[in-house]
Amino acid sequence: MPQSAVQTTRAQGALAGLLALIAGYVDAYALLNYDVFASFMSGNTTEAGLRAGLGRLTDAAYHALPIPIFVLGVFLGTFLLHGTLRHPLRWVCALVAALLLVSLLGATRGLLPGWFSVVCLSLAMGAMNTTITSIGAQAVSLGFVTGDLNNIGRHLALALRRAPVSDSQGSWDTHLRRATLLAGVWMAFLCGAIFAGAAMPRFGEAVLIPPILALLLVAASYRDAGRPA
Protein backbone atom coordinates (compact mmCIF):
# COMPACT_ATOMS: atom_id res chain seq x y z
CA MET A 1 0.00 0.00 0.00
CA PRO A 2 1.40 3.48 -0.90
CA GLN A 3 2.71 5.48 2.04
CA SER A 4 0.33 8.35 1.24
CA ALA A 5 -2.63 5.99 1.57
CA VAL A 6 -1.32 4.78 4.93
CA GLN A 7 -1.06 8.38 6.11
CA THR A 8 -4.60 9.04 4.89
CA THR A 9 -5.94 6.07 6.83
CA ARG A 10 -4.11 7.18 9.96
CA ALA A 11 -5.42 10.73 9.59
CA GLN A 12 -8.96 9.44 9.18
CA GLY A 13 -8.55 7.22 12.24
CA ALA A 14 -7.23 10.06 14.39
CA LEU A 15 -10.00 12.43 13.32
CA ALA A 16 -12.66 9.72 13.75
CA GLY A 17 -11.41 9.11 17.30
CA LEU A 18 -11.55 12.80 18.18
CA LEU A 19 -15.02 13.30 16.71
CA ALA A 20 -16.37 10.11 18.33
CA LEU A 21 -15.07 11.39 21.67
CA ILE A 22 -16.92 14.67 21.08
CA ALA A 23 -20.07 12.77 20.10
CA GLY A 24 -20.00 10.73 23.30
CA TYR A 25 -19.28 13.87 25.31
CA VAL A 26 -22.19 15.84 23.81
CA ASP A 27 -24.55 12.86 23.98
CA ALA A 28 -23.87 12.48 27.70
CA TYR A 29 -24.24 16.25 28.20
CA ALA A 30 -27.64 16.22 26.48
CA LEU A 31 -28.81 13.22 28.50
CA LEU A 32 -27.74 14.79 31.79
CA ASN A 33 -29.31 18.16 31.08
CA TYR A 34 -32.30 17.47 28.84
CA ASP A 35 -33.09 13.76 29.30
CA VAL A 36 -32.67 13.05 25.58
CA PHE A 37 -29.84 11.83 23.38
CA ALA A 38 -28.27 14.25 20.91
CA SER A 39 -26.73 11.50 18.78
CA PHE A 40 -28.20 8.12 19.79
CA MET A 41 -31.50 8.19 17.90
CA SER A 42 -32.30 4.55 18.69
CA GLY A 43 -32.54 5.54 22.34
CA ASN A 44 -34.82 8.48 21.55
CA THR A 45 -37.00 6.26 19.36
CA THR A 46 -37.39 3.71 22.15
CA GLU A 47 -38.15 6.45 24.70
CA ALA A 48 -40.70 8.10 22.42
CA GLY A 49 -42.42 4.80 21.65
CA LEU A 50 -42.50 3.77 25.31
CA ARG A 51 -44.06 7.04 26.42
CA ALA A 52 -46.57 6.96 23.58
CA GLY A 53 -47.56 3.45 24.62
CA LEU A 54 -48.04 4.68 28.19
CA GLY A 55 -50.28 7.46 26.93
CA ARG A 56 -47.79 10.20 27.84
CA LEU A 57 -47.98 11.92 24.47
CA THR A 58 -46.30 15.17 25.50
CA ASP A 59 -43.28 13.26 26.79
CA ALA A 60 -43.32 11.12 23.64
CA ALA A 61 -43.24 14.22 21.44
CA TYR A 62 -40.34 15.66 23.44
CA HIS A 63 -38.25 12.51 23.04
CA ALA A 64 -39.15 12.31 19.35
CA LEU A 65 -38.07 15.93 18.74
CA PRO A 66 -34.35 15.18 18.22
CA ILE A 67 -35.01 12.54 15.56
CA PRO A 68 -36.07 14.72 12.59
CA ILE A 69 -33.60 17.39 13.69
CA PHE A 70 -30.77 14.86 13.62
CA VAL A 71 -31.83 13.81 10.11
CA LEU A 72 -31.81 17.48 9.09
CA GLY A 73 -28.27 17.76 10.47
CA VAL A 74 -27.19 14.77 8.37
CA PHE A 75 -28.77 16.44 5.34
CA LEU A 76 -26.93 19.72 5.97
CA GLY A 77 -23.59 18.01 6.61
CA THR A 78 -23.88 15.88 3.48
CA PHE A 79 -24.98 18.87 1.41
CA LEU A 80 -21.92 20.85 2.51
CA LEU A 81 -19.46 17.97 2.10
CA HIS A 82 -20.59 17.27 -1.46
CA GLY A 83 -20.80 20.89 -2.54
CA THR A 84 -18.30 23.21 -4.16
CA LEU A 85 -16.85 24.71 -0.98
CA ARG A 86 -13.11 24.49 -0.50
CA HIS A 87 -12.23 22.34 2.53
CA PRO A 88 -15.92 21.39 3.16
CA LEU A 89 -15.16 19.39 6.29
CA ARG A 90 -13.84 22.57 7.88
CA TRP A 91 -17.20 24.22 7.25
CA VAL A 92 -19.09 21.32 8.78
CA CYS A 93 -16.91 21.39 11.90
CA ALA A 94 -17.37 25.15 12.16
CA LEU A 95 -21.14 24.70 11.84
CA VAL A 96 -21.15 22.10 14.62
CA ALA A 97 -19.06 24.36 16.86
CA ALA A 98 -21.43 27.28 16.21
CA LEU A 99 -24.48 25.18 17.13
CA LEU A 100 -22.83 24.01 20.34
CA LEU A 101 -21.95 27.62 21.16
CA VAL A 102 -25.57 28.73 20.66
CA SER A 103 -26.71 25.94 22.97
CA LEU A 104 -24.10 26.93 25.56
CA LEU A 105 -25.01 30.62 25.52
CA GLY A 106 -28.71 29.90 25.66
CA ALA A 107 -28.31 27.55 28.61
CA THR A 108 -25.91 29.67 30.67
CA ARG A 109 -27.85 32.89 30.29
CA GLY A 110 -31.30 31.29 30.41
CA LEU A 111 -32.17 32.99 27.13
CA LEU A 112 -33.42 29.91 25.32
CA PRO A 113 -35.87 27.17 26.34
CA GLY A 114 -34.56 23.65 26.84
CA TRP A 115 -36.16 22.33 23.67
CA PHE A 116 -34.20 24.86 21.59
CA SER A 117 -30.93 23.60 23.05
CA VAL A 118 -32.05 20.05 22.19
CA VAL A 119 -32.60 21.22 18.60
CA CYS A 120 -29.12 22.79 18.44
CA LEU A 121 -27.39 19.74 19.93
CA SER A 122 -29.21 17.22 17.72
CA LEU A 123 -28.63 19.30 14.59
CA ALA A 124 -24.94 19.55 15.49
CA MET A 125 -24.53 15.81 16.04
CA GLY A 126 -26.39 14.97 12.83
CA ALA A 127 -24.03 17.19 10.86
CA MET A 128 -20.95 15.85 12.62
CA ASN A 129 -21.89 12.27 11.85
CA THR A 130 -21.34 12.98 8.16
CA THR A 131 -17.71 14.05 8.55
CA ILE A 132 -15.97 10.67 8.79
CA THR A 133 -17.90 7.70 7.43
CA SER A 134 -14.97 5.36 6.85
CA ILE A 135 -11.40 4.66 7.91
CA GLY A 136 -9.75 3.32 4.80
CA ALA A 137 -12.29 0.84 3.42
CA GLN A 138 -13.97 0.19 6.79
CA ALA A 139 -17.27 1.98 7.37
CA VAL A 140 -17.58 3.63 10.80
CA SER A 141 -20.25 5.44 12.78
CA LEU A 142 -19.22 8.27 15.07
CA GLY A 143 -22.31 8.92 17.15
CA PHE A 144 -24.31 5.68 17.08
CA VAL A 145 -21.79 3.01 17.89
CA THR A 146 -24.12 0.00 17.81
CA GLY A 147 -23.14 -0.52 14.18
CA ASP A 148 -19.47 -0.38 15.13
CA LEU A 149 -19.99 -2.98 17.87
CA ASN A 150 -21.87 -5.22 15.45
CA ASN A 151 -18.96 -5.02 13.00
CA ILE A 152 -16.42 -5.69 15.75
CA GLY A 153 -18.14 -8.98 16.55
CA ARG A 154 -18.38 -9.90 12.87
CA HIS A 155 -14.72 -9.13 12.19
CA LEU A 156 -13.56 -11.10 15.24
CA ALA A 157 -15.55 -14.14 14.13
CA LEU A 158 -14.16 -13.91 10.59
CA ALA A 159 -10.64 -13.43 11.96
CA LEU A 160 -11.01 -16.62 13.96
CA ARG A 161 -12.18 -18.38 10.79
CA ARG A 162 -9.18 -16.90 8.93
CA ALA A 163 -11.54 -15.56 6.30
CA PRO A 164 -10.11 -13.05 3.81
CA VAL A 165 -11.28 -9.42 3.85
CA SER A 166 -13.39 -9.00 0.72
CA ASP A 167 -12.29 -5.40 0.05
CA SER A 168 -8.80 -5.68 1.56
CA GLN A 169 -6.35 -2.88 0.72
CA GLY A 170 -3.31 -5.05 1.37
CA SER A 171 -1.93 -7.88 3.48
CA TRP A 172 -1.96 -5.61 6.51
CA ASP A 173 -5.74 -5.02 6.16
CA THR A 174 -7.12 -7.91 8.22
CA HIS A 175 -10.35 -8.56 10.09
CA LEU A 176 -8.48 -8.24 13.37
CA ARG A 177 -7.08 -4.84 12.40
CA ARG A 178 -10.52 -3.60 11.39
CA ALA A 179 -11.99 -4.83 14.66
CA THR A 180 -9.26 -2.92 16.48
CA LEU A 181 -10.02 0.28 14.53
CA LEU A 182 -13.71 0.03 15.36
CA ALA A 183 -12.95 -0.72 19.00
CA GLY A 184 -10.90 2.48 19.10
CA VAL A 185 -13.86 4.51 17.83
CA TRP A 186 -16.16 2.88 20.41
CA MET A 187 -13.66 3.53 23.18
CA ALA A 188 -13.34 7.17 22.16
CA PHE A 189 -17.14 7.56 22.36
CA LEU A 190 -17.17 5.91 25.79
CA CYS A 191 -14.36 8.16 27.04
CA GLY A 192 -16.25 11.22 25.84
CA ALA A 193 -19.28 10.19 27.90
CA ILE A 194 -17.05 9.53 30.93
CA PHE A 195 -15.39 12.93 30.63
CA ALA A 196 -18.76 14.71 30.39
CA GLY A 197 -20.10 12.84 33.40
CA ALA A 198 -17.03 13.73 35.45
CA ALA A 199 -16.93 17.38 34.35
CA MET A 200 -20.61 18.32 34.52
CA PRO A 201 -20.94 18.43 38.34
CA ARG A 202 -17.83 20.64 38.53
CA PHE A 203 -18.20 22.98 35.59
CA GLY A 204 -21.90 22.97 34.69
CA GLU A 205 -22.79 24.29 31.24
CA ALA A 206 -19.17 25.32 30.65
CA VAL A 207 -18.36 21.69 29.83
CA LEU A 208 -19.34 22.46 26.22
CA ILE A 209 -16.33 24.76 25.83
CA PRO A 210 -13.73 21.99 25.22
CA PRO A 211 -15.61 20.36 22.29
CA ILE A 212 -16.29 23.79 20.78
CA LEU A 213 -12.58 24.63 20.91
CA ALA A 214 -11.60 21.21 19.52
CA LEU A 215 -13.98 21.59 16.58
CA LEU A 216 -12.73 25.09 15.86
CA LEU A 217 -9.17 23.74 15.89
CA VAL A 218 -10.13 21.07 13.35
CA ALA A 219 -11.90 23.69 11.24
CA ALA A 220 -8.79 25.87 11.25
CA SER A 221 -6.15 23.20 10.67
CA TYR A 222 -7.68 20.27 8.79
CA ARG A 223 -5.89 19.10 5.65
CA ASP A 224 -7.38 17.19 2.73
CA ALA A 225 -5.00 14.27 3.27
CA GLY A 226 -7.53 12.67 5.57
CA ARG A 227 -10.66 13.68 3.70
CA PRO A 228 -13.49 11.26 4.43
CA ALA A 229 -14.92 9.03 1.76
C-alpha atoms as a PDB file:
ATOM      1  CA  MET A   1       0.000   0.000   0.000  1.00  0.00           C
ATOM      2  CA  PRO A   2       1.402   3.482  -0.902  1.00  0.00           C
ATOM      3  CA  GLN A   3       2.711   5.480   2.041  1.00  0.00           C
ATOM      4  CA  SER A   4       0.334   8.349   1.238  1.00  0.00           C
ATOM      5  CA  ALA A   5      -2.626   5.987   1.573  1.00  0.00           C
ATOM      6  CA  VAL A   6      -1.318   4.781   4.932  1.00  0.00           C
ATOM      7  CA  GLN A   7      -1.064   8.376   6.110  1.00  0.00           C
ATOM      8  CA  THR A   8      -4.605   9.042   4.890  1.00  0.00           C
ATOM      9  CA  THR A   9      -5.945   6.072   6.829  1.00  0.00           C
ATOM     10  CA  ARG A  10      -4.108   7.180   9.960  1.00  0.00           C
ATOM     11  CA  ALA A  11      -5.420  10.732   9.594  1.00  0.00           C
ATOM     12  CA  GLN A  12      -8.955   9.440   9.176  1.00  0.00           C
ATOM     13  CA  GLY A  13      -8.547   7.221  12.237  1.00  0.00           C
ATOM     14  CA  ALA A  14      -7.235  10.056  14.391  1.00  0.00           C
ATOM     15  CA  LEU A  15      -9.999  12.427  13.319  1.00  0.00           C
ATOM     16  CA  ALA A  16     -12.656   9.722  13.754  1.00  0.00           C
ATOM     17  CA  GLY A  17     -11.412   9.109  17.302  1.00  0.00           C
ATOM     18  CA  LEU A  18     -11.554  12.801  18.176  1.00  0.00           C
ATOM     19  CA  LEU A  19     -15.022  13.296  16.707  1.00  0.00           C
ATOM     20  CA  ALA A  20     -16.365  10.106  18.328  1.00  0.00           C
ATOM     21  CA  LEU A  21     -15.073  11.392  21.674  1.00  0.00           C
ATOM     22  CA  ILE A  22     -16.916  14.669  21.080  1.00  0.00           C
ATOM     23  CA  ALA A  23     -20.071  12.768  20.096  1.00  0.00           C
ATOM     24  CA  GLY A  24     -20.001  10.730  23.300  1.00  0.00           C
ATOM     25  CA  TYR A  25     -19.285  13.871  25.310  1.00  0.00           C
ATOM     26  CA  VAL A  26     -22.187  15.844  23.809  1.00  0.00           C
ATOM     27  CA  ASP A  27     -24.550  12.864  23.984  1.00  0.00           C
ATOM     28  CA  ALA A  28     -23.868  12.478  27.697  1.00  0.00           C
ATOM     29  CA  TYR A  29     -24.244  16.248  28.200  1.00  0.00           C
ATOM     30  CA  ALA A  30     -27.645  16.219  26.483  1.00  0.00           C
ATOM     31  CA  LEU A  31     -28.809  13.223  28.495  1.00  0.00           C
ATOM     32  CA  LEU A  32     -27.736  14.786  31.786  1.00  0.00           C
ATOM     33  CA  ASN A  33     -29.313  18.161  31.085  1.00  0.00           C
ATOM     34  CA  TYR A  34     -32.298  17.473  28.842  1.00  0.00           C
ATOM     35  CA  ASP A  35     -33.089  13.761  29.299  1.00  0.00           C
ATOM     36  CA  VAL A  36     -32.669  13.052  25.579  1.00  0.00           C
ATOM     37  CA  PHE A  37     -29.840  11.830  23.383  1.00  0.00           C
ATOM     38  CA  ALA A  38     -28.270  14.249  20.915  1.00  0.00           C
ATOM     39  CA  SER A  39     -26.727  11.497  18.784  1.00  0.00           C
ATOM     40  CA  PHE A  40     -28.202   8.123  19.791  1.00  0.00           C
ATOM     41  CA  MET A  41     -31.502   8.192  17.898  1.00  0.00           C
ATOM     42  CA  SER A  42     -32.296   4.547  18.686  1.00  0.00           C
ATOM     43  CA  GLY A  43     -32.536   5.538  22.342  1.00  0.00           C
ATOM     44  CA  ASN A  44     -34.818   8.477  21.549  1.00  0.00           C
ATOM     45  CA  THR A  45     -37.004   6.260  19.361  1.00  0.00           C
ATOM     46  CA  THR A  46     -37.395   3.713  22.154  1.00  0.00           C
ATOM     47  CA  GLU A  47     -38.153   6.448  24.705  1.00  0.00           C
ATOM     48  CA  ALA A  48     -40.705   8.102  22.423  1.00  0.00           C
ATOM     49  CA  GLY A  49     -42.417   4.797  21.652  1.00  0.00           C
ATOM     50  CA  LEU A  50     -42.501   3.772  25.306  1.00  0.00           C
ATOM     51  CA  ARG A  51     -44.065   7.036  26.421  1.00  0.00           C
ATOM     52  CA  ALA A  52     -46.570   6.963  23.580  1.00  0.00           C
ATOM     53  CA  GLY A  53     -47.564   3.447  24.616  1.00  0.00           C
ATOM     54  CA  LEU A  54     -48.038   4.679  28.188  1.00  0.00           C
ATOM     55  CA  GLY A  55     -50.282   7.458  26.926  1.00  0.00           C
ATOM     56  CA  ARG A  56     -47.786  10.201  27.839  1.00  0.00           C
ATOM     57  CA  LEU A  57     -47.979  11.917  24.475  1.00  0.00           C
ATOM     58  CA  THR A  58     -46.301  15.172  25.496  1.00  0.00           C
ATOM     59  CA  ASP A  59     -43.283  13.255  26.786  1.00  0.00           C
ATOM     60  CA  ALA A  60     -43.318  11.124  23.643  1.00  0.00           C
ATOM     61  CA  ALA A  61     -43.242  14.218  21.436  1.00  0.00           C
ATOM     62  CA  TYR A  62     -40.344  15.663  23.444  1.00  0.00           C
ATOM     63  CA  HIS A  63     -38.250  12.509  23.041  1.00  0.00           C
ATOM     64  CA  ALA A  64     -39.151  12.310  19.351  1.00  0.00           C
ATOM     65  CA  LEU A  65     -38.072  15.927  18.736  1.00  0.00           C
ATOM     66  CA  PRO A  66     -34.345  15.175  18.222  1.00  0.00           C
ATOM     67  CA  ILE A  67     -35.013  12.536  15.557  1.00  0.00           C
ATOM     68  CA  PRO A  68     -36.073  14.715  12.587  1.00  0.00           C
ATOM     69  CA  ILE A  69     -33.596  17.394  13.691  1.00  0.00           C
ATOM     70  CA  PHE A  70     -30.772  14.860  13.617  1.00  0.00           C
ATOM     71  CA  VAL A  71     -31.825  13.809  10.110  1.00  0.00           C
ATOM     72  CA  LEU A  72     -31.811  17.477   9.088  1.00  0.00           C
ATOM     73  CA  GLY A  73     -28.272  17.762  10.468  1.00  0.00           C
ATOM     74  CA  VAL A  74     -27.188  14.769   8.371  1.00  0.00           C
ATOM     75  CA  PHE A  75     -28.772  16.445   5.343  1.00  0.00           C
ATOM     76  CA  LEU A  76     -26.932  19.716   5.968  1.00  0.00           C
ATOM     77  CA  GLY A  77     -23.595  18.011   6.609  1.00  0.00           C
ATOM     78  CA  THR A  78     -23.878  15.876   3.480  1.00  0.00           C
ATOM     79  CA  PHE A  79     -24.976  18.869   1.414  1.00  0.00           C
ATOM     80  CA  LEU A  80     -21.917  20.846   2.511  1.00  0.00           C
ATOM     81  CA  LEU A  81     -19.459  17.969   2.098  1.00  0.00           C
ATOM     82  CA  HIS A  82     -20.589  17.266  -1.459  1.00  0.00           C
ATOM     83  CA  GLY A  83     -20.797  20.891  -2.538  1.00  0.00           C
ATOM     84  CA  THR A  84     -18.299  23.212  -4.157  1.00  0.00           C
ATOM     85  CA  LEU A  85     -16.854  24.714  -0.980  1.00  0.00           C
ATOM     86  CA  ARG A  86     -13.114  24.485  -0.499  1.00  0.00           C
ATOM     87  CA  HIS A  87     -12.231  22.336   2.527  1.00  0.00           C
ATOM     88  CA  PRO A  88     -15.917  21.391   3.159  1.00  0.00           C
ATOM     89  CA  LEU A  89     -15.165  19.388   6.290  1.00  0.00           C
ATOM     90  CA  ARG A  90     -13.840  22.569   7.884  1.00  0.00           C
ATOM     91  CA  TRP A  91     -17.198  24.220   7.246  1.00  0.00           C
ATOM     92  CA  VAL A  92     -19.090  21.315   8.783  1.00  0.00           C
ATOM     93  CA  CYS A  93     -16.911  21.391  11.904  1.00  0.00           C
ATOM     94  CA  ALA A  94     -17.369  25.152  12.159  1.00  0.00           C
ATOM     95  CA  LEU A  95     -21.142  24.702  11.844  1.00  0.00           C
ATOM     96  CA  VAL A  96     -21.148  22.098  14.620  1.00  0.00           C
ATOM     97  CA  ALA A  97     -19.059  24.362  16.855  1.00  0.00           C
ATOM     98  CA  ALA A  98     -21.432  27.283  16.211  1.00  0.00           C
ATOM     99  CA  LEU A  99     -24.475  25.181  17.129  1.00  0.00           C
ATOM    100  CA  LEU A 100     -22.833  24.010  20.343  1.00  0.00           C
ATOM    101  CA  LEU A 101     -21.954  27.616  21.161  1.00  0.00           C
ATOM    102  CA  VAL A 102     -25.573  28.732  20.662  1.00  0.00           C
ATOM    103  CA  SER A 103     -26.711  25.936  22.971  1.00  0.00           C
ATOM    104  CA  LEU A 104     -24.096  26.926  25.557  1.00  0.00           C
ATOM    105  CA  LEU A 105     -25.005  30.618  25.521  1.00  0.00           C
ATOM    106  CA  GLY A 106     -28.710  29.898  25.663  1.00  0.00           C
ATOM    107  CA  ALA A 107     -28.314  27.548  28.612  1.00  0.00           C
ATOM    108  CA  THR A 108     -25.908  29.667  30.670  1.00  0.00           C
ATOM    109  CA  ARG A 109     -27.849  32.886  30.294  1.00  0.00           C
ATOM    110  CA  GLY A 110     -31.300  31.289  30.405  1.00  0.00           C
ATOM    111  CA  LEU A 111     -32.170  32.992  27.127  1.00  0.00           C
ATOM    112  CA  LEU A 112     -33.419  29.910  25.321  1.00  0.00           C
ATOM    113  CA  PRO A 113     -35.871  27.166  26.335  1.00  0.00           C
ATOM    114  CA  GLY A 114     -34.562  23.654  26.839  1.00  0.00           C
ATOM    115  CA  TRP A 115     -36.161  22.334  23.669  1.00  0.00           C
ATOM    116  CA  PHE A 116     -34.196  24.862  21.591  1.00  0.00           C
ATOM    117  CA  SER A 117     -30.931  23.599  23.048  1.00  0.00           C
ATOM    118  CA  VAL A 118     -32.054  20.051  22.186  1.00  0.00           C
ATOM    119  CA  VAL A 119     -32.597  21.218  18.603  1.00  0.00           C
ATOM    120  CA  CYS A 120     -29.116  22.792  18.443  1.00  0.00           C
ATOM    121  CA  LEU A 121     -27.387  19.745  19.929  1.00  0.00           C
ATOM    122  CA  SER A 122     -29.206  17.220  17.719  1.00  0.00           C
ATOM    123  CA  LEU A 123     -28.628  19.297  14.593  1.00  0.00           C
ATOM    124  CA  ALA A 124     -24.938  19.546  15.495  1.00  0.00           C
ATOM    125  CA  MET A 125     -24.532  15.805  16.036  1.00  0.00           C
ATOM    126  CA  GLY A 126     -26.390  14.965  12.832  1.00  0.00           C
ATOM    127  CA  ALA A 127     -24.034  17.192  10.859  1.00  0.00           C
ATOM    128  CA  MET A 128     -20.951  15.851  12.622  1.00  0.00           C
ATOM    129  CA  ASN A 129     -21.892  12.267  11.850  1.00  0.00           C
ATOM    130  CA  THR A 130     -21.341  12.976   8.159  1.00  0.00           C
ATOM    131  CA  THR A 131     -17.714  14.048   8.550  1.00  0.00           C
ATOM    132  CA  ILE A 132     -15.967  10.672   8.794  1.00  0.00           C
ATOM    133  CA  THR A 133     -17.897   7.703   7.430  1.00  0.00           C
ATOM    134  CA  SER A 134     -14.975   5.356   6.854  1.00  0.00           C
ATOM    135  CA  ILE A 135     -11.403   4.659   7.913  1.00  0.00           C
ATOM    136  CA  GLY A 136      -9.750   3.318   4.803  1.00  0.00           C
ATOM    137  CA  ALA A 137     -12.294   0.845   3.421  1.00  0.00           C
ATOM    138  CA  GLN A 138     -13.965   0.194   6.793  1.00  0.00           C
ATOM    139  CA  ALA A 139     -17.267   1.980   7.372  1.00  0.00           C
ATOM    140  CA  VAL A 140     -17.580   3.627  10.799  1.00  0.00           C
ATOM    141  CA  SER A 141     -20.251   5.435  12.776  1.00  0.00           C
ATOM    142  CA  LEU A 142     -19.224   8.265  15.070  1.00  0.00           C
ATOM    143  CA  GLY A 143     -22.306   8.920  17.150  1.00  0.00           C
ATOM    144  CA  PHE A 144     -24.305   5.683  17.078  1.00  0.00           C
ATOM    145  CA  VAL A 145     -21.790   3.011  17.886  1.00  0.00           C
ATOM    146  CA  THR A 146     -24.125  -0.002  17.808  1.00  0.00           C
ATOM    147  CA  GLY A 147     -23.136  -0.518  14.180  1.00  0.00           C
ATOM    148  CA  ASP A 148     -19.469  -0.377  15.132  1.00  0.00           C
ATOM    149  CA  LEU A 149     -19.991  -2.981  17.868  1.00  0.00           C
ATOM    150  CA  ASN A 150     -21.871  -5.217  15.445  1.00  0.00           C
ATOM    151  CA  ASN A 151     -18.962  -5.018  12.997  1.00  0.00           C
ATOM    152  CA  ILE A 152     -16.417  -5.694  15.752  1.00  0.00           C
ATOM    153  CA  GLY A 153     -18.143  -8.980  16.554  1.00  0.00           C
ATOM    154  CA  ARG A 154     -18.384  -9.899  12.874  1.00  0.00           C
ATOM    155  CA  HIS A 155     -14.722  -9.127  12.190  1.00  0.00           C
ATOM    156  CA  LEU A 156     -13.564 -11.098  15.236  1.00  0.00           C
ATOM    157  CA  ALA A 157     -15.547 -14.137  14.134  1.00  0.00           C
ATOM    158  CA  LEU A 158     -14.165 -13.907  10.589  1.00  0.00           C
ATOM    159  CA  ALA A 159     -10.639 -13.434  11.965  1.00  0.00           C
ATOM    160  CA  LEU A 160     -11.015 -16.621  13.965  1.00  0.00           C
ATOM    161  CA  ARG A 161     -12.176 -18.384  10.794  1.00  0.00           C
ATOM    162  CA  ARG A 162      -9.183 -16.904   8.934  1.00  0.00           C
ATOM    163  CA  ALA A 163     -11.542 -15.558   6.302  1.00  0.00           C
ATOM    164  CA  PRO A 164     -10.114 -13.045   3.812  1.00  0.00           C
ATOM    165  CA  VAL A 165     -11.275  -9.421   3.846  1.00  0.00           C
ATOM    166  CA  SER A 166     -13.389  -8.997   0.722  1.00  0.00           C
ATOM    167  CA  ASP A 167     -12.285  -5.397   0.054  1.00  0.00           C
ATOM    168  CA  SER A 168      -8.802  -5.676   1.555  1.00  0.00           C
ATOM    169  CA  GLN A 169      -6.354  -2.883   0.723  1.00  0.00           C
ATOM    170  CA  GLY A 170      -3.308  -5.049   1.375  1.00  0.00           C
ATOM    171  CA  SER A 171      -1.927  -7.882   3.477  1.00  0.00           C
ATOM    172  CA  TRP A 172      -1.955  -5.605   6.513  1.00  0.00           C
ATOM    173  CA  ASP A 173      -5.736  -5.022   6.164  1.00  0.00           C
ATOM    174  CA  THR A 174      -7.116  -7.913   8.222  1.00  0.00           C
ATOM    175  CA  HIS A 175     -10.351  -8.556  10.085  1.00  0.00           C
ATOM    176  CA  LEU A 176      -8.482  -8.236  13.372  1.00  0.00           C
ATOM    177  CA  ARG A 177      -7.078  -4.836  12.401  1.00  0.00           C
ATOM    178  CA  ARG A 178     -10.522  -3.603  11.392  1.00  0.00           C
ATOM    179  CA  ALA A 179     -11.993  -4.832  14.664  1.00  0.00           C
ATOM    180  CA  THR A 180      -9.257  -2.917  16.482  1.00  0.00           C
ATOM    181  CA  LEU A 181     -10.017   0.280  14.533  1.00  0.00           C
ATOM    182  CA  LEU A 182     -13.707   0.029  15.363  1.00  0.00           C
ATOM    183  CA  ALA A 183     -12.951  -0.723  19.000  1.00  0.00           C
ATOM    184  CA  GLY A 184     -10.901   2.478  19.101  1.00  0.00           C
ATOM    185  CA  VAL A 185     -13.859   4.508  17.831  1.00  0.00           C
ATOM    186  CA  TRP A 186     -16.156   2.882  20.406  1.00  0.00           C
ATOM    187  CA  MET A 187     -13.656   3.528  23.185  1.00  0.00           C
ATOM    188  CA  ALA A 188     -13.342   7.172  22.159  1.00  0.00           C
ATOM    189  CA  PHE A 189     -17.138   7.560  22.362  1.00  0.00           C
ATOM    190  CA  LEU A 190     -17.167   5.909  25.785  1.00  0.00           C
ATOM    191  CA  CYS A 191     -14.360   8.156  27.039  1.00  0.00           C
ATOM    192  CA  GLY A 192     -16.248  11.216  25.844  1.00  0.00           C
ATOM    193  CA  ALA A 193     -19.277  10.192  27.902  1.00  0.00           C
ATOM    194  CA  ILE A 194     -17.051   9.526  30.933  1.00  0.00           C
ATOM    195  CA  PHE A 195     -15.388  12.931  30.626  1.00  0.00           C
ATOM    196  CA  ALA A 196     -18.758  14.711  30.388  1.00  0.00           C
ATOM    197  CA  GLY A 197     -20.103  12.839  33.404  1.00  0.00           C
ATOM    198  CA  ALA A 198     -17.025  13.730  35.449  1.00  0.00           C
ATOM    199  CA  ALA A 199     -16.928  17.382  34.346  1.00  0.00           C
ATOM    200  CA  MET A 200     -20.607  18.319  34.521  1.00  0.00           C
ATOM    201  CA  PRO A 201     -20.937  18.427  38.338  1.00  0.00           C
ATOM    202  CA  ARG A 202     -17.825  20.640  38.528  1.00  0.00           C
ATOM    203  CA  PHE A 203     -18.200  22.985  35.590  1.00  0.00           C
ATOM    204  CA  GLY A 204     -21.902  22.972  34.692  1.00  0.00           C
ATOM    205  CA  GLU A 205     -22.789  24.293  31.245  1.00  0.00           C
ATOM    206  CA  ALA A 206     -19.169  25.319  30.648  1.00  0.00           C
ATOM    207  CA  VAL A 207     -18.358  21.687  29.829  1.00  0.00           C
ATOM    208  CA  LEU A 208     -19.338  22.464  26.221  1.00  0.00           C
ATOM    209  CA  ILE A 209     -16.330  24.763  25.834  1.00  0.00           C
ATOM    210  CA  PRO A 210     -13.729  21.990  25.221  1.00  0.00           C
ATOM    211  CA  PRO A 211     -15.613  20.356  22.289  1.00  0.00           C
ATOM    212  CA  ILE A 212     -16.288  23.785  20.777  1.00  0.00           C
ATOM    213  CA  LEU A 213     -12.582  24.633  20.909  1.00  0.00           C
ATOM    214  CA  ALA A 214     -11.602  21.213  19.524  1.00  0.00           C
ATOM    215  CA  LEU A 215     -13.984  21.594  16.580  1.00  0.00           C
ATOM    216  CA  LEU A 216     -12.728  25.089  15.856  1.00  0.00           C
ATOM    217  CA  LEU A 217      -9.166  23.742  15.888  1.00  0.00           C
ATOM    218  CA  VAL A 218     -10.127  21.068  13.347  1.00  0.00           C
ATOM    219  CA  ALA A 219     -11.905  23.685  11.235  1.00  0.00           C
ATOM    220  CA  ALA A 220      -8.787  25.869  11.255  1.00  0.00           C
ATOM    221  CA  SER A 221      -6.146  23.204  10.667  1.00  0.00           C
ATOM    222  CA  TYR A 222      -7.682  20.268   8.787  1.00  0.00           C
ATOM    223  CA  ARG A 223      -5.888  19.095   5.648  1.00  0.00           C
ATOM    224  CA  ASP A 224      -7.384  17.192   2.730  1.00  0.00           C
ATOM    225  CA  ALA A 225      -5.004  14.270   3.268  1.00  0.00           C
ATOM    226  CA  GLY A 226      -7.528  12.673   5.568  1.00  0.00           C
ATOM    227  CA  ARG A 227     -10.656  13.676   3.698  1.00  0.00           C
ATOM    228  CA  PRO A 228     -13.486  11.263   4.425  1.00  0.00           C
ATOM    229  CA  ALA A 229     -14.917   9.032   1.755  1.00  0.00           C
END
